[in-house]
Amino acid sequence: MLIWGVLVAGLFVVLIWCAVALYRKAVTTLRALEALNDQVSSVDLDVPSACASFIPAVFSDSAVLLRNVEQNRADRAHRRQVRRDARIVRGKLIPNAR
């Protein structure tokens, strides 16, 4: 009978420890979410409404669509090149860092 009491008490202690650990994690997560909410609310975004200017591709001019696709490809290629150049610069700095 004493062994069962010790086992139940041990189980109870473990459950309390897990509950406290989960509570601490939940509080930390909520604080981080509040900080993130403050950061997001401080950013002033002037985003134009995408729904107002939406025109289905079927009704658009194909030359305009082709020009937009090519511009998007060029922008993506430029962003890739900028990232690649930054990686090369970082890679050259790493061996010399001490």
C-alpha atoms as a PDB file:
ATOM      1  CA  MET A   1       0.000   0.000   0.000  1.00  0.00           C
ATOM      2  CA  LEU A   2       2.865   2.362   0.802  1.00  0.00           C
ATOM      3  CA  ILE A   3       4.472   1.664  -2.585  1.00  0.00           C
ATOM      4  CA  TRP A   4       1.282   2.685  -4.390  1.00  0.00           C
ATOM      5  CA  GLY A   5       1.151   5.900  -2.391  1.00  0.00           C
ATOM      6  CA  VAL A   6       4.756   6.707  -3.311  1.00  0.00           C
ATOM      7  CA  LEU A   7       4.082   5.924  -6.970  1.00  0.00           C
ATOM      8  CA  VAL A   8       0.967   8.079  -7.042  1.00  0.00           C
ATOM      9  CA  ALA A   9       2.803  10.918  -5.289  1.00  0.00           C
ATOM     10  CA  GLY A  10       5.680  10.611  -7.787  1.00  0.00           C
ATOM     11  CA  LEU A  11       3.251  10.642 -10.697  1.00  0.00           C
ATOM     12  CA  PHE A  12       1.530  13.670  -9.218  1.00  0.00           C
ATOM     13  CA  VAL A  13       4.883  15.489  -8.898  1.00  0.00           C
ATOM     14  CA  VAL A  14       5.762  14.680 -12.510  1.00  0.00           C
ATOM     15  CA  LEU A  15       2.376  15.904 -13.710  1.00  0.00           C
ATOM     16  CA  ILE A  16       2.759  19.143 -11.753  1.00  0.00           C
ATOM     17  CA  TRP A  17       6.260  19.622 -13.182  1.00  0.00           C
ATOM     18  CA  CYS A  18       4.968  19.101 -16.739  1.00  0.00           C
ATOM     19  CA  ALA A  19       2.078  21.502 -16.118  1.00  0.00           C
ATOM     20  CA  VAL A  20       4.459  24.188 -14.834  1.00  0.00           C
ATOM     21  CA  ALA A  21       6.797  23.691 -17.806  1.00  0.00           C
ATOM     22  CA  LEU A  22       3.887  23.959 -20.271  1.00  0.00           C
ATOM     23  CA  TYR A  23       2.567  27.051 -18.475  1.00  0.00           C
ATOM     24  CA  ARG A  24       5.973  28.741 -18.705  1.00  0.00           C
ATOM     25  CA  LYS A  25       6.211  27.910 -22.409  1.00  0.00           C
ATOM     26  CA  ALA A  26       2.708  29.244 -23.023  1.00  0.00           C
ATOM     27  CA  VAL A  27       3.486  32.489 -21.183  1.00  0.00           C
ATOM     28  CA  THR A  28       6.740  32.906 -23.127  1.00  0.00           C
ATOM     29  CA  THR A  29       4.902  32.278 -26.401  1.00  0.00           C
ATOM     30  CA  LEU A  30       2.194  34.798 -25.550  1.00  0.00           C
ATOM     31  CA  ARG A  31       4.803  37.428 -24.665  1.00  0.00           C
ATOM     32  CA  ALA A  32       6.604  36.796 -27.955  1.00  0.00           C
ATOM     33  CA  LEU A  33       3.304  37.075 -29.853  1.00  0.00           C
ATOM     34  CA  GLU A  34       2.529  40.359 -28.090  1.00  0.00           C
ATOM     35  CA  ALA A  35       5.958  41.705 -29.046  1.00  0.00           C
ATOM     36  CA  LEU A  36       5.402  40.582 -32.631  1.00  0.00           C
ATOM     37  CA  ASN A  37       1.976  42.215 -32.658  1.00  0.00           C
ATOM     38  CA  ASP A  38       3.541  45.475 -31.439  1.00  0.00           C
ATOM     39  CA  GLN A  39       6.174  45.294 -34.165  1.00  0.00           C
ATOM     40  CA  VAL A  40       3.624  44.582 -36.874  1.00  0.00           C
ATOM     41  CA  SER A  41       1.293  47.328 -35.690  1.00  0.00           C
ATOM     42  CA  SER A  42       4.154  49.833 -35.684  1.00  0.00           C
ATOM     43  CA  VAL A  43       4.845  49.179 -39.371  1.00  0.00           C
ATOM     44  CA  ASP A  44       2.888  51.557 -41.559  1.00  0.00           C
ATOM     45  CA  LEU A  45       1.955  49.681 -44.693  1.00  0.00           C
ATOM     46  CA  ASP A  46       0.446  51.566 -47.588  1.00  0.00           C
ATOM     47  CA  VAL A  47      -0.590  48.548 -49.610  1.00  0.00           C
ATOM     48  CA  PRO A  48      -2.956  49.251 -52.470  1.00  0.00           C
ATOM     49  CA  SER A  49      -5.975  47.056 -52.638  1.00  0.00           C
ATOM     50  CA  ALA A  50      -5.237  44.144 -54.958  1.00  0.00           C
ATOM     51  CA  CYS A  51      -8.914  43.287 -55.357  1.00  0.00           C
ATOM     52  CA  ALA A  52      -9.839  46.671 -56.783  1.00  0.00           C
ATOM     53  CA  SER A  53      -7.289  46.476 -59.601  1.00  0.00           C
ATOM     54  CA  PHE A  54      -7.753  42.804 -60.460  1.00  0.00           C
ATOM     55  CA  ILE A  55      -8.379  42.130 -64.133  1.00  0.00           C
ATOM     56  CA  PRO A  56      -8.655  38.519 -65.276  1.00  0.00           C
ATOM     57  CA  ALA A  57      -5.913  37.458 -67.678  1.00  0.00           C
ATOM     58  CA  VAL A  58      -8.482  36.412 -70.230  1.00  0.00           C
ATOM     59  CA  PHE A  59      -9.550  40.009 -70.695  1.00  0.00           C
ATOM     60  CA  SER A  60      -6.025  41.485 -70.656  1.00  0.00           C
ATOM     61  CA  ASP A  61      -3.844  42.283 -73.607  1.00  0.00           C
ATOM     62  CA  SER A  62      -1.367  39.472 -74.280  1.00  0.00           C
ATOM     63  CA  ALA A  63       1.473  41.916 -74.972  1.00  0.00           C
ATOM     64  CA  VAL A  64       0.974  43.508 -71.537  1.00  0.00           C
ATOM     65  CA  LEU A  65       0.893  40.090 -69.872  1.00  0.00           C
ATOM     66  CA  LEU A  66       4.064  39.003 -71.677  1.00  0.00           C
ATOM     67  CA  ARG A  67       5.786  42.240 -70.666  1.00  0.00           C
ATOM     68  CA  ASN A  68       4.766  41.694 -67.027  1.00  0.00           C
ATOM     69  CA  VAL A  69       6.013  38.107 -67.077  1.00  0.00           C
ATOM     70  CA  GLU A  70       9.344  39.162 -68.549  1.00  0.00           C
ATOM     71  CA  GLN A  71       9.674  41.977 -65.998  1.00  0.00           C
ATOM     72  CA  ASN A  72       8.956  39.555 -63.147  1.00  0.00           C
ATOM     73  CA  ARG A  73      11.575  37.157 -64.498  1.00  0.00           C
ATOM     74  CA  ALA A  74      14.134  39.980 -64.763  1.00  0.00           C
ATOM     75  CA  ASP A  75      13.342  41.139 -61.216  1.00  0.00           C
ATOM     76  CA  ARG A  76      13.721  37.598 -59.890  1.00  0.00           C
ATOM     77  CA  ALA A  77      17.027  37.155 -61.729  1.00  0.00           C
ATOM     78  CA  HIS A  78      18.284  40.448 -60.316  1.00  0.00           C
ATOM     79  CA  ARG A  79      17.307  39.464 -56.752  1.00  0.00           C
ATOM     80  CA  ARG A  80      19.031  36.091 -57.205  1.00  0.00           C
ATOM     81  CA  GLN A  81      22.184  37.803 -58.469  1.00  0.00           C
ATOM     82  CA  VAL A  82      22.207  40.219 -55.531  1.00  0.00           C
ATOM     83  CA  ARG A  83      21.832  37.320 -53.069  1.00  0.00           C
ATOM     84  CA  ARG A  84      24.545  35.360 -54.882  1.00  0.00           C
ATOM     85  CA  ASP A  85      26.926  38.340 -54.748  1.00  0.00           C
ATOM     86  CA  ALA A  86      26.241  38.779 -51.036  1.00  0.00           C
ATOM     87  CA  ARG A  87      26.977  35.087 -50.411  1.00  0.00           C
ATOM     88  CA  ILE A  88      30.239  35.374 -52.329  1.00  0.00           C
ATOM     89  CA  VAL A  89      31.283  38.396 -50.278  1.00  0.00           C
ATOM     90  CA  ARG A  90      30.388  36.599 -47.027  1.00  0.00           C
ATOM     91  CA  GLY A  91      32.257  33.513 -48.195  1.00  0.00           C
ATOM     92  CA  LYS A  92      35.373  35.546 -48.888  1.00  0.00           C
ATOM     93  CA  LEU A  93      35.170  37.216 -45.466  1.00  0.00           C
ATOM     94  CA  ILE A  94      34.768  33.986 -43.491  1.00  0.00           C
ATOM     95  CA  PRO A  95      38.312  32.583 -43.938  1.00  0.00           C
ATOM     96  CA  ASN A  96      39.819  35.933 -42.935  1.00  0.00           C
ATOM     97  CA  ALA A  97      37.647  36.424 -39.828  1.00  0.00           C
ATOM     98  CA  ARG A  98      39.346  35.855 -36.511  1.00  0.00           C
END
